Structure formats: structure tokens, C-alpha cells
Amino acid sequence: TGELGDALDQVSHMIDIRPDFLQALELKGWILYSLGKK
């Protein structure tokens, strides 16, 4: 839905809780790219 800040906050929170949560690490990459943080 283009709510990239919320997406990044949500996925970062998951990684803080579970640094080994692989789906979150991958999704974070796509979110960061979408935010222009290549």
C-alpha cells in the first residue's frame, strides 16, 4: 500500500525481537530499496 515507513518500522521491530527471522531480513531489503536506500 506504499506505507513504506510503517513497513520498515514493523519489519525492523520483528528483527529486533528475532534477528534470525529470515523472511523479515529479506522483506527489509525490498522495503529499503523501495525507500531509495539501495
PDB file of all heavy atoms in Angstrom:
ATOM      1  N   THR A   1       0.818  -1.228   0.000  1.00  0.00           N
ATOM      2  CA  THR A   1       0.000   0.000   0.000  1.00  0.00           C
ATOM      3  C   THR A   1       0.848   1.273   0.000  1.00  0.00           C
ATOM      4  O   THR A   1       0.306   2.371   0.076  1.00  0.00           O
ATOM      5  CB  THR A   1      -0.962   0.019   1.197  1.00  0.00           C
ATOM      6  OG1 THR A   1      -0.211  -0.050   2.413  1.00  0.00           O
ATOM      7  CG2 THR A   1      -1.956  -1.137   1.117  1.00  0.00           C
ATOM      8  N   GLY A   2       2.156   1.116  -0.063  1.00  0.00           N
ATOM      9  CA  GLY A   2       3.035   2.271  -0.143  1.00  0.00           C
ATOM     10  C   GLY A   2       3.342   2.938   1.186  1.00  0.00           C
ATOM     11  O   GLY A   2       3.922   4.018   1.222  1.00  0.00           O
ATOM     12  N   GLU A   3       2.967   2.300   2.276  1.00  0.00           N
ATOM     13  CA  GLU A   3       3.252   2.845   3.609  1.00  0.00           C
ATOM     14  C   GLU A   3       4.624   2.333   4.044  1.00  0.00           C
ATOM     15  O   GLU A   3       4.757   1.510   4.956  1.00  0.00           O
ATOM     16  CB  GLU A   3       2.150   2.424   4.574  1.00  0.00           C
ATOM     17  CG  GLU A   3       0.784   2.983   4.162  1.00  0.00           C
ATOM     18  CD  GLU A   3      -0.341   2.442   5.013  1.00  0.00           C
ATOM     19  OE1 GLU A   3      -0.372   2.771   6.219  1.00  0.00           O
ATOM     20  OE2 GLU A   3      -1.183   1.698   4.458  1.00  0.00           O
ATOM     21  N   LEU A   4       5.642   2.835   3.364  1.00  0.00           N
ATOM     22  CA  LEU A   4       6.990   2.290   3.500  1.00  0.00           C
ATOM     23  C   LEU A   4       7.600   2.518   4.882  1.00  0.00           C
ATOM     24  O   LEU A   4       8.311   1.655   5.394  1.00  0.00           O
ATOM     25  CB  LEU A   4       7.888   2.851   2.410  1.00  0.00           C
ATOM     26  CG  LEU A   4       7.418   2.561   0.978  1.00  0.00           C
ATOM     27  CD1 LEU A   4       8.339   3.246  -0.030  1.00  0.00           C
ATOM     28  CD2 LEU A   4       7.336   1.076   0.724  1.00  0.00           C
ATOM     29  N   GLY A   5       7.340   3.657   5.473  1.00  0.00           N
ATOM     30  CA  GLY A   5       7.853   3.915   6.825  1.00  0.00           C
ATOM     31  C   GLY A   5       7.286   2.923   7.822  1.00  0.00           C
ATOM     32  O   GLY A   5       8.020   2.378   8.659  1.00  0.00           O
ATOM     33  N   ASP A   6       5.978   2.688   7.735  1.00  0.00           N
ATOM     34  CA  ASP A   6       5.345   1.702   8.629  1.00  0.00           C
ATOM     35  C   ASP A   6       5.873   0.301   8.345  1.00  0.00           C
ATOM     36  O   ASP A   6       6.082  -0.486   9.264  1.00  0.00           O
ATOM     37  CB  ASP A   6       3.821   1.730   8.461  1.00  0.00           C
ATOM     38  CG  ASP A   6       3.204   3.009   9.020  1.00  0.00           C
ATOM     39  OD1 ASP A   6       3.801   3.617   9.935  1.00  0.00           O
ATOM     40  OD2 ASP A   6       2.117   3.395   8.531  1.00  0.00           O
ATOM     41  N   ALA A   7       6.080  -0.009   7.065  1.00  0.00           N
ATOM     42  CA  ALA A   7       6.605  -1.326   6.697  1.00  0.00           C
ATOM     43  C   ALA A   7       7.989  -1.534   7.315  1.00  0.00           C
ATOM     44  O   ALA A   7       8.274  -2.582   7.898  1.00  0.00           O
ATOM     45  CB  ALA A   7       6.669  -1.476   5.179  1.00  0.00           C
ATOM     46  N   LEU A   8       8.839  -0.518   7.194  1.00  0.00           N
ATOM     47  CA  LEU A   8      10.185  -0.621   7.743  1.00  0.00           C
ATOM     48  C   LEU A   8      10.159  -0.710   9.271  1.00  0.00           C
ATOM     49  O   LEU A   8      10.887  -1.525   9.857  1.00  0.00           O
ATOM     50  CB  LEU A   8      11.046   0.562   7.290  1.00  0.00           C
ATOM     51  CG  LEU A   8      12.503   0.509   7.722  1.00  0.00           C
ATOM     52  CD1 LEU A   8      13.200  -0.741   7.206  1.00  0.00           C
ATOM     53  CD2 LEU A   8      13.231   1.774   7.258  1.00  0.00           C
ATOM     54  N   ASP A   9       9.325   0.098   9.911  1.00  0.00           N
ATOM     55  CA  ASP A   9       9.214   0.031  11.372  1.00  0.00           C
ATOM     56  C   ASP A   9       8.791  -1.367  11.819  1.00  0.00           C
ATOM     57  O   ASP A   9       9.361  -1.928  12.755  1.00  0.00           O
ATOM     58  CB  ASP A   9       8.194   1.054  11.890  1.00  0.00           C
ATOM     59  CG  ASP A   9       8.674   2.495  11.778  1.00  0.00           C
ATOM     60  OD1 ASP A   9       9.886   2.716  11.551  1.00  0.00           O
ATOM     61  OD2 ASP A   9       7.820   3.398  11.903  1.00  0.00           O
ATOM     62  N   GLN A  10       7.790  -1.916  11.143  1.00  0.00           N
ATOM     63  CA  GLN A  10       7.250  -3.226  11.505  1.00  0.00           C
ATOM     64  C   GLN A  10       8.304  -4.322  11.338  1.00  0.00           C
ATOM     65  O   GLN A  10       8.523  -5.133  12.226  1.00  0.00           O
ATOM     66  CB  GLN A  10       6.026  -3.534  10.628  1.00  0.00           C
ATOM     67  CG  GLN A  10       5.297  -4.791  10.983  1.00  0.00           C
ATOM     68  CD  GLN A  10       4.603  -4.691  12.321  1.00  0.00           C
ATOM     69  OE1 GLN A  10       4.123  -3.637  12.716  1.00  0.00           O
ATOM     70  NE2 GLN A  10       4.566  -5.779  13.036  1.00  0.00           N
ATOM     71  N   VAL A  11       8.967  -4.329  10.177  1.00  0.00           N
ATOM     72  CA  VAL A  11       9.938  -5.377   9.909  1.00  0.00           C
ATOM     73  C   VAL A  11      11.173  -5.221  10.809  1.00  0.00           C
ATOM     74  O   VAL A  11      11.740  -6.208  11.282  1.00  0.00           O
ATOM     75  CB  VAL A  11      10.281  -5.445   8.397  1.00  0.00           C
ATOM     76  CG1 VAL A  11      11.278  -4.411   7.978  1.00  0.00           C
ATOM     77  CG2 VAL A  11      10.734  -6.827   8.007  1.00  0.00           C
ATOM     78  N   SER A  12      11.569  -3.993  11.078  1.00  0.00           N
ATOM     79  CA  SER A  12      12.715  -3.764  11.974  1.00  0.00           C
ATOM     80  C   SER A  12      12.404  -4.242  13.386  1.00  0.00           C
ATOM     81  O   SER A  12      13.271  -4.813  14.068  1.00  0.00           O
ATOM     82  CB  SER A  12      13.098  -2.287  11.988  1.00  0.00           C
ATOM     83  OG  SER A  12      13.536  -1.881  10.716  1.00  0.00           O
ATOM     84  N   HIS A  13      11.168  -4.018  13.826  1.00  0.00           N
ATOM     85  CA  HIS A  13      10.749  -4.491  15.154  1.00  0.00           C
ATOM     86  C   HIS A  13      10.829  -6.023  15.228  1.00  0.00           C
ATOM     87  O   HIS A  13      11.311  -6.575  16.220  1.00  0.00           O
ATOM     88  CB  HIS A  13       9.334  -3.998  15.453  1.00  0.00           C
ATOM     89  CG  HIS A  13       8.797  -4.435  16.766  1.00  0.00           C
ATOM     90  ND1 HIS A  13       9.305  -3.975  17.971  1.00  0.00           N
ATOM     91  CD2 HIS A  13       7.800  -5.301  17.085  1.00  0.00           C
ATOM     92  CE1 HIS A  13       8.648  -4.546  18.962  1.00  0.00           C
ATOM     93  NE2 HIS A  13       7.727  -5.346  18.448  1.00  0.00           N
ATOM     94  N   MET A  14      10.395  -6.687  14.173  1.00  0.00           N
ATOM     95  CA  MET A  14      10.482  -8.154  14.156  1.00  0.00           C
ATOM     96  C   MET A  14      11.927  -8.623  14.234  1.00  0.00           C
ATOM     97  O   MET A  14      12.236  -9.576  14.944  1.00  0.00           O
ATOM     98  CB  MET A  14       9.833  -8.712  12.884  1.00  0.00           C
ATOM     99  CG  MET A  14       8.333  -8.712  12.907  1.00  0.00           C
ATOM    100  SD  MET A  14       7.652  -9.500  11.439  1.00  0.00           S
ATOM    101  CE  MET A  14       7.894  -8.215  10.232  1.00  0.00           C
ATOM    102  N   ILE A  15      12.800  -7.946  13.504  1.00  0.00           N
ATOM    103  CA  ILE A  15      14.219  -8.329  13.502  1.00  0.00           C
ATOM    104  C   ILE A  15      14.843  -8.052  14.863  1.00  0.00           C
ATOM    105  O   ILE A  15      15.684  -8.822  15.332  1.00  0.00           O
ATOM    106  CB  ILE A  15      14.967  -7.621  12.357  1.00  0.00           C
ATOM    107  CG1 ILE A  15      14.452  -8.154  11.011  1.00  0.00           C
ATOM    108  CG2 ILE A  15      16.473  -7.815  12.483  1.00  0.00           C
ATOM    109  CD1 ILE A  15      14.906  -7.352   9.802  1.00  0.00           C
ATOM    110  N   ASP A  16      14.423  -6.976  15.531  1.00  0.00           N
ATOM    111  CA  ASP A  16      14.921  -6.708  16.885  1.00  0.00           C
ATOM    112  C   ASP A  16      14.568  -7.857  17.826  1.00  0.00           C
ATOM    113  O   ASP A  16      15.376  -8.248  18.670  1.00  0.00           O
ATOM    114  CB  ASP A  16      14.334  -5.403  17.434  1.00  0.00           C
ATOM    115  CG  ASP A  16      14.917  -4.160  16.782  1.00  0.00           C
ATOM    116  OD1 ASP A  16      15.978  -4.262  16.121  1.00  0.00           O
ATOM    117  OD2 ASP A  16      14.295  -3.084  16.915  1.00  0.00           O
ATOM    118  N   ILE A  17      13.356  -8.360  17.682  1.00  0.00           N
ATOM    119  CA  ILE A  17      12.893  -9.451  18.541  1.00  0.00           C
ATOM    120  C   ILE A  17      13.506 -10.786  18.134  1.00  0.00           C
ATOM    121  O   ILE A  17      13.911 -11.577  18.980  1.00  0.00           O
ATOM    122  CB  ILE A  17      11.352  -9.526  18.524  1.00  0.00           C
ATOM    123  CG1 ILE A  17      10.771  -8.279  19.195  1.00  0.00           C
ATOM    124  CG2 ILE A  17      10.846 -10.803  19.197  1.00  0.00           C
ATOM    125  CD1 ILE A  17       9.277  -8.124  19.012  1.00  0.00           C
ATOM    126  N   ARG A  18      13.558 -11.032  16.831  1.00  0.00           N
ATOM    127  CA  ARG A  18      14.079 -12.295  16.291  1.00  0.00           C
ATOM    128  C   ARG A  18      15.066 -11.996  15.169  1.00  0.00           C
ATOM    129  O   ARG A  18      14.698 -11.984  13.998  1.00  0.00           O
ATOM    130  CB  ARG A  18      12.944 -13.149  15.727  1.00  0.00           C
ATOM    131  CG  ARG A  18      12.058 -13.849  16.702  1.00  0.00           C
ATOM    132  CD  ARG A  18      12.493 -15.278  17.056  1.00  0.00           C
ATOM    133  NE  ARG A  18      12.954 -16.102  15.963  1.00  0.00           N
ATOM    134  CZ  ARG A  18      12.190 -16.903  15.220  1.00  0.00           C
ATOM    135  NH1 ARG A  18      10.906 -16.996  15.438  1.00  0.00           N
ATOM    136  NH2 ARG A  18      12.727 -17.628  14.261  1.00  0.00           N
ATOM    137  N   PRO A  19      16.327 -11.738  15.502  1.00  0.00           N
ATOM    138  CA  PRO A  19      17.324 -11.403  14.476  1.00  0.00           C
ATOM    139  C   PRO A  19      17.518 -12.492  13.418  1.00  0.00           C
ATOM    140  O   PRO A  19      18.042 -12.225  12.346  1.00  0.00           O
ATOM    141  CB  PRO A  19      18.617 -11.196  15.272  1.00  0.00           C
ATOM    142  CG  PRO A  19      18.191 -10.978  16.670  1.00  0.00           C
ATOM    143  CD  PRO A  19      16.876 -11.687  16.844  1.00  0.00           C
ATOM    144  N   ASP A  20      17.070 -13.695  13.734  1.00  0.00           N
ATOM    145  CA  ASP A  20      17.219 -14.808  12.794  1.00  0.00           C
ATOM    146  C   ASP A  20      15.961 -15.042  11.948  1.00  0.00           C
ATOM    147  O   ASP A  20      15.873 -16.030  11.228  1.00  0.00           O
ATOM    148  CB  ASP A  20      17.556 -16.088  13.551  1.00  0.00           C
ATOM    149  CG  ASP A  20      16.461 -16.519  14.516  1.00  0.00           C
ATOM    150  OD1 ASP A  20      15.649 -15.661  14.937  1.00  0.00           O
ATOM    151  OD2 ASP A  20      16.413 -17.715  14.861  1.00  0.00           O
ATOM    152  N   PHE A  21      15.001 -14.131  11.994  1.00  0.00           N
ATOM    153  CA  PHE A  21      13.760 -14.287  11.235  1.00  0.00           C
ATOM    154  C   PHE A  21      14.050 -13.918   9.774  1.00  0.00           C
ATOM    155  O   PHE A  21      14.050 -12.752   9.391  1.00  0.00           O
ATOM    156  CB  PHE A  21      12.643 -13.437  11.831  1.00  0.00           C
ATOM    157  CG  PHE A  21      11.296 -13.654  11.217  1.00  0.00           C
ATOM    158  CD1 PHE A  21      10.891 -14.904  10.760  1.00  0.00           C
ATOM    159  CD2 PHE A  21      10.413 -12.603  11.088  1.00  0.00           C
ATOM    160  CE1 PHE A  21       9.647 -15.106  10.192  1.00  0.00           C
ATOM    161  CE2 PHE A  21       9.154 -12.778  10.526  1.00  0.00           C
ATOM    162  CZ  PHE A  21       8.776 -14.037  10.071  1.00  0.00           C
ATOM    163  N   LEU A  22      14.319 -14.932   8.974  1.00  0.00           N
ATOM    164  CA  LEU A  22      14.818 -14.749   7.625  1.00  0.00           C
ATOM    165  C   LEU A  22      13.848 -14.016   6.708  1.00  0.00           C
ATOM    166  O   LEU A  22      14.260 -13.178   5.901  1.00  0.00           O
ATOM    167  CB  LEU A  22      15.202 -16.104   7.030  1.00  0.00           C
ATOM    168  CG  LEU A  22      16.329 -16.836   7.765  1.00  0.00           C
ATOM    169  CD1 LEU A  22      16.570 -18.207   7.157  1.00  0.00           C
ATOM    170  CD2 LEU A  22      17.602 -16.005   7.769  1.00  0.00           C
ATOM    171  N   GLN A  23      12.568 -14.303   6.813  1.00  0.00           N
ATOM    172  CA  GLN A  23      11.598 -13.609   5.963  1.00  0.00           C
ATOM    173  C   GLN A  23      11.646 -12.098   6.197  1.00  0.00           C
ATOM    174  O   GLN A  23      11.510 -11.309   5.263  1.00  0.00           O
ATOM    175  CB  GLN A  23      10.182 -14.113   6.238  1.00  0.00           C
ATOM    176  CG  GLN A  23       9.900 -15.482   5.715  1.00  0.00           C
ATOM    177  CD  GLN A  23       8.458 -15.875   6.014  1.00  0.00           C
ATOM    178  OE1 GLN A  23       7.566 -15.041   6.023  1.00  0.00           O
ATOM    179  NE2 GLN A  23       8.239 -17.146   6.271  1.00  0.00           N
ATOM    180  N   ALA A  24      11.845 -11.715   7.435  1.00  0.00           N
ATOM    181  CA  ALA A  24      11.906 -10.288   7.759  1.00  0.00           C
ATOM    182  C   ALA A  24      13.166  -9.652   7.177  1.00  0.00           C
ATOM    183  O   ALA A  24      13.122  -8.520   6.694  1.00  0.00           O
ATOM    184  CB  ALA A  24      11.843 -10.087   9.271  1.00  0.00           C
ATOM    185  N   LEU A  25      14.286 -10.375   7.208  1.00  0.00           N
ATOM    186  CA  LEU A  25      15.517  -9.834   6.635  1.00  0.00           C
ATOM    187  C   LEU A  25      15.375  -9.608   5.135  1.00  0.00           C
ATOM    188  O   LEU A  25      15.812  -8.583   4.603  1.00  0.00           O
ATOM    189  CB  LEU A  25      16.688 -10.778   6.912  1.00  0.00           C
ATOM    190  CG  LEU A  25      17.150 -10.873   8.353  1.00  0.00           C
ATOM    191  CD1 LEU A  25      18.195 -11.970   8.505  1.00  0.00           C
ATOM    192  CD2 LEU A  25      17.703  -9.537   8.829  1.00  0.00           C
ATOM    193  N   GLU A  26      14.751 -10.573   4.442  1.00  0.00           N
ATOM    194  CA  GLU A  26      14.554 -10.412   3.007  1.00  0.00           C
ATOM    195  C   GLU A  26      13.594  -9.255   2.720  1.00  0.00           C
ATOM    196  O   GLU A  26      13.866  -8.398   1.871  1.00  0.00           O
ATOM    197  CB  GLU A  26      14.019 -11.689   2.382  1.00  0.00           C
ATOM    198  CG  GLU A  26      13.826 -11.553   0.882  1.00  0.00           C
ATOM    199  CD  GLU A  26      13.246 -12.775   0.230  1.00  0.00           C
ATOM    200  OE1 GLU A  26      12.486 -13.525   0.884  1.00  0.00           O
ATOM    201  OE2 GLU A  26      13.531 -12.970  -0.965  1.00  0.00           O
ATOM    202  N   LEU A  27      12.481  -9.225   3.414  1.00  0.00           N
ATOM    203  CA  LEU A  27      11.498  -8.169   3.197  1.00  0.00           C
ATOM    204  C   LEU A  27      12.096  -6.794   3.489  1.00  0.00           C
ATOM    205  O   LEU A  27      11.829  -5.817   2.783  1.00  0.00           O
ATOM    206  CB  LEU A  27      10.253  -8.407   4.052  1.00  0.00           C
ATOM    207  CG  LEU A  27       9.109  -7.426   3.860  1.00  0.00           C
ATOM    208  CD1 LEU A  27       8.650  -7.381   2.398  1.00  0.00           C
ATOM    209  CD2 LEU A  27       7.938  -7.790   4.767  1.00  0.00           C
ATOM    210  N   LYS A  28      12.938  -6.724   4.493  1.00  0.00           N
ATOM    211  CA  LYS A  28      13.586  -5.447   4.817  1.00  0.00           C
ATOM    212  C   LYS A  28      14.408  -4.952   3.628  1.00  0.00           C
ATOM    213  O   LYS A  28      14.416  -3.761   3.328  1.00  0.00           O
ATOM    214  CB  LYS A  28      14.464  -5.580   6.062  1.00  0.00           C
ATOM    215  CG  LYS A  28      15.054  -4.255   6.509  1.00  0.00           C
ATOM    216  CD  LYS A  28      15.822  -4.387   7.805  1.00  0.00           C
ATOM    217  CE  LYS A  28      16.346  -3.027   8.257  1.00  0.00           C
ATOM    218  NZ  LYS A  28      17.097  -3.139   9.521  1.00  0.00           N
ATOM    219  N   GLY A  29      15.067  -5.858   2.928  1.00  0.00           N
ATOM    220  CA  GLY A  29      15.830  -5.465   1.749  1.00  0.00           C
ATOM    221  C   GLY A  29      14.952  -4.812   0.691  1.00  0.00           C
ATOM    222  O   GLY A  29      15.297  -3.770   0.134  1.00  0.00           O
ATOM    223  N   TRP A  30      13.775  -5.407   0.433  1.00  0.00           N
ATOM    224  CA  TRP A  30      12.865  -4.842  -0.566  1.00  0.00           C
ATOM    225  C   TRP A  30      12.290  -3.510  -0.101  1.00  0.00           C
ATOM    226  O   TRP A  30      12.131  -2.583  -0.904  1.00  0.00           O
ATOM    227  CB  TRP A  30      11.746  -5.828  -0.893  1.00  0.00           C
ATOM    228  CG  TRP A  30      12.247  -7.001  -1.663  1.00  0.00           C
ATOM    229  CD1 TRP A  30      12.349  -8.295  -1.220  1.00  0.00           C
ATOM    230  CD2 TRP A  30      12.743  -7.003  -3.004  1.00  0.00           C
ATOM    231  NE1 TRP A  30      12.874  -9.090  -2.200  1.00  0.00           N
ATOM    232  CE2 TRP A  30      13.131  -8.317  -3.311  1.00  0.00           C
ATOM    233  CE3 TRP A  30      12.915  -6.020  -3.973  1.00  0.00           C
ATOM    234  CZ2 TRP A  30      13.663  -8.677  -4.548  1.00  0.00           C
ATOM    235  CZ3 TRP A  30      13.455  -6.371  -5.206  1.00  0.00           C
ATOM    236  CH2 TRP A  30      13.816  -7.684  -5.475  1.00  0.00           C
ATOM    237  N   ILE A  31      12.010  -3.394   1.188  1.00  0.00           N
ATOM    238  CA  ILE A  31      11.491  -2.131   1.715  1.00  0.00           C
ATOM    239  C   ILE A  31      12.553  -1.039   1.607  1.00  0.00           C
ATOM    240  O   ILE A  31      12.271   0.079   1.157  1.00  0.00           O
ATOM    241  CB  ILE A  31      11.004  -2.298   3.176  1.00  0.00           C
ATOM    242  CG1 ILE A  31       9.794  -3.247   3.239  1.00  0.00           C
ATOM    243  CG2 ILE A  31      10.674  -0.943   3.795  1.00  0.00           C
ATOM    244  CD1 ILE A  31       9.466  -3.736   4.643  1.00  0.00           C
ATOM    245  N   LEU A  32      13.767  -1.360   2.011  1.00  0.00           N
ATOM    246  CA  LEU A  32      14.848  -0.374   1.928  1.00  0.00           C
ATOM    247  C   LEU A  32      15.069   0.076   0.486  1.00  0.00           C
ATOM    248  O   LEU A  32      15.248   1.271   0.224  1.00  0.00           O
ATOM    249  CB  LEU A  32      16.137  -0.951   2.519  1.00  0.00           C
ATOM    250  CG  LEU A  32      16.142  -1.104   4.037  1.00  0.00           C
ATOM    251  CD1 LEU A  32      17.303  -1.982   4.485  1.00  0.00           C
ATOM    252  CD2 LEU A  32      16.188   0.255   4.716  1.00  0.00           C
ATOM    253  N   TYR A  33      15.027  -0.872  -0.430  1.00  0.00           N
ATOM    254  CA  TYR A  33      15.174  -0.490  -1.843  1.00  0.00           C
ATOM    255  C   TYR A  33      14.050   0.472  -2.245  1.00  0.00           C
ATOM    256  O   TYR A  33      14.294   1.488  -2.897  1.00  0.00           O
ATOM    257  CB  TYR A  33      15.184  -1.710  -2.769  1.00  0.00           C
ATOM    258  CG  TYR A  33      15.231  -1.264  -4.201  1.00  0.00           C
ATOM    259  CD1 TYR A  33      16.438  -0.878  -4.769  1.00  0.00           C
ATOM    260  CD2 TYR A  33      14.070  -1.132  -4.944  1.00  0.00           C
ATOM    261  CE1 TYR A  33      16.483  -0.385  -6.067  1.00  0.00           C
ATOM    262  CE2 TYR A  33      14.108  -0.629  -6.234  1.00  0.00           C
ATOM    263  CZ  TYR A  33      15.307  -0.271  -6.798  1.00  0.00           C
ATOM    264  OH  TYR A  33      15.343   0.239  -8.069  1.00  0.00           O
ATOM    265  N   SER A  34      12.840   0.138  -1.852  1.00  0.00           N
ATOM    266  CA  SER A  34      11.684   0.977  -2.196  1.00  0.00           C
ATOM    267  C   SER A  34      11.792   2.373  -1.599  1.00  0.00           C
ATOM    268  O   SER A  34      11.253   3.329  -2.151  1.00  0.00           O
ATOM    269  CB  SER A  34      10.385   0.310  -1.733  1.00  0.00           C
ATOM    270  OG  SER A  34      10.209  -0.914  -2.405  1.00  0.00           O
ATOM    271  N   LEU A  35      12.485   2.482  -0.489  1.00  0.00           N
ATOM    272  CA  LEU A  35      12.717   3.782   0.141  1.00  0.00           C
ATOM    273  C   LEU A  35      13.898   4.531  -0.485  1.00  0.00           C
ATOM    274  O   LEU A  35      14.223   5.646  -0.064  1.00  0.00           O
ATOM    275  CB  LEU A  35      12.979   3.595   1.642  1.00  0.00           C
ATOM    276  CG  LEU A  35      11.765   3.286   2.498  1.00  0.00           C
ATOM    277  CD1 LEU A  35      12.186   2.767   3.877  1.00  0.00           C
ATOM    278  CD2 LEU A  35      10.901   4.537   2.646  1.00  0.00           C
ATOM    279  N   GLY A  36      14.542   3.916  -1.468  1.00  0.00           N
ATOM    280  CA  GLY A  36      15.692   4.546  -2.109  1.00  0.00           C
ATOM    281  C   GLY A  36      16.994   4.315  -1.379  1.00  0.00           C
ATOM    282  O   GLY A  36      18.017   4.905  -1.718  1.00  0.00           O
ATOM    283  N   LYS A  37      16.978   3.445  -0.384  1.00  0.00           N
ATOM    284  CA  LYS A  37      18.172   3.146   0.412  1.00  0.00           C
ATOM    285  C   LYS A  37      18.830   1.890  -0.172  1.00  0.00           C
ATOM    286  O   LYS A  37      18.809   0.811   0.423  1.00  0.00           O
ATOM    287  CB  LYS A  37      17.791   2.953   1.875  1.00  0.00           C
ATOM    288  CG  LYS A  37      17.178   4.197   2.481  1.00  0.00           C
ATOM    289  CD  LYS A  37      16.770   3.981   3.916  1.00  0.00           C
ATOM    290  CE  LYS A  37      16.194   5.268   4.494  1.00  0.00           C
ATOM    291  NZ  LYS A  37      15.991   5.171   5.919  1.00  0.00           N
ATOM    292  N   LYS A  38      19.422   2.054  -1.341  1.00  0.00           N
ATOM    293  CA  LYS A  38      19.906   0.914  -2.112  1.00  0.00           C
ATOM    294  C   LYS A  38      21.090   0.213  -1.448  1.00  0.00           C
ATOM    295  O   LYS A  38      21.171  -1.013  -1.453  1.00  0.00           O
ATOM    296  CB  LYS A  38      20.232   1.367  -3.522  1.00  0.00           C
ATOM    297  CG  LYS A  38      18.968   1.834  -4.240  1.00  0.00           C
ATOM    298  CD  LYS A  38      19.255   2.496  -5.553  1.00  0.00           C
ATOM    299  CE  LYS A  38      17.929   2.967  -6.140  1.00  0.00           C
ATOM    300  NZ  LYS A  38      18.073   4.005  -7.087  1.00  0.00           N
TER     301      LYS A  38
END
